[in-house]
């Protein structure tokens, strides 16, 4: 199964479409950072198991992959 290339790769994208894509990418990056921060957060009153940190890292990676980042 092949993936379709992003619209930019096909060469038919106007400024509005590029801006919308950039906004979506920034939102995805922000969400990935939030997920990573939650997984790495060191709260003194709560023990964070290593599995939680690994799960958050995996989720952040999947978010980035889903947006082709």
Protein backbone atom coordinates (compact mmCIF):
# COMPACT_ATOMS: atom_id res chain seq x y z
CA UNK A 1 0.00 0.00 0.00
CA UNK A 2 1.48 3.38 -0.99
CA UNK A 3 0.84 6.72 0.60
CA UNK A 4 -0.16 9.73 -1.42
CA UNK A 5 2.52 12.43 -1.31
CA UNK A 6 1.64 15.67 0.47
CA UNK A 7 0.00 18.30 -1.70
CA UNK A 8 3.21 20.39 -1.72
CA UNK A 9 5.08 17.51 -3.39
CA UNK A 10 2.55 17.52 -6.23
CA UNK A 11 3.16 21.25 -6.76
CA UNK A 12 -0.46 22.48 -6.61
CA UNK A 13 -0.78 24.35 -3.34
CA UNK A 14 -1.77 27.94 -2.77
CA UNK A 15 -0.86 30.17 0.17
CA UNK A 16 -4.06 29.38 2.08
CA UNK A 17 -3.52 25.64 1.86
CA UNK A 18 0.12 26.02 2.91
CA UNK A 19 -0.90 28.17 5.89
CA UNK A 20 -3.56 25.65 6.93
CA UNK A 21 -1.01 22.82 6.71
CA UNK A 22 1.53 24.82 8.72
CA UNK A 23 -1.08 25.55 11.41
CA UNK A 24 -1.94 21.85 11.61
CA UNK A 25 1.74 20.95 11.91
CA UNK A 26 2.31 23.47 14.70
CA UNK A 27 -0.75 22.17 16.56
CA UNK A 28 0.55 18.61 16.21
CA UNK A 29 4.00 19.60 17.44
CA UNK A 30 2.46 21.38 20.42
CA UNK A 31 0.40 18.29 21.29
CA UNK A 32 3.49 16.06 20.98
CA UNK A 33 5.40 18.35 23.36
CA UNK A 34 2.50 18.29 25.84
CA UNK A 35 2.43 14.48 25.73
CA UNK A 36 6.19 14.26 26.24
CA UNK A 37 6.10 16.76 29.10
CA UNK A 38 3.33 14.79 30.80
CA UNK A 39 5.38 11.61 30.50
CA UNK A 40 8.56 13.21 31.83
CA UNK A 41 6.94 15.29 34.53
CA UNK A 42 8.39 14.64 37.98
CA UNK A 43 5.62 15.23 40.51
CA UNK A 44 6.94 14.64 44.05
CA UNK A 45 3.63 13.31 45.36
CA UNK A 46 3.18 10.83 42.50
CA UNK A 47 5.45 8.09 41.22
CA UNK A 48 5.46 7.89 37.44
CA UNK A 49 6.23 4.34 36.31
CA UNK A 50 8.75 3.98 33.47
CA UNK A 51 6.02 2.37 31.35
CA UNK A 52 4.07 5.65 31.44
CA UNK A 53 7.07 7.59 30.19
CA UNK A 54 7.58 5.08 27.37
CA UNK A 55 3.86 5.19 26.48
CA UNK A 56 3.92 8.99 26.26
CA UNK A 57 7.04 8.94 24.08
CA UNK A 58 5.40 6.39 21.76
CA UNK A 59 2.21 8.49 21.56
CA UNK A 60 4.18 11.64 20.74
CA UNK A 61 6.03 9.74 18.01
CA UNK A 62 2.77 8.42 16.56
CA UNK A 63 1.30 11.94 16.51
CA UNK A 64 4.28 13.19 14.53
CA UNK A 65 4.17 10.26 12.12
CA UNK A 66 0.45 10.77 11.51
CA UNK A 67 1.16 14.30 10.31
CA UNK A 68 4.22 13.23 8.25
CA UNK A 69 6.56 15.21 10.51
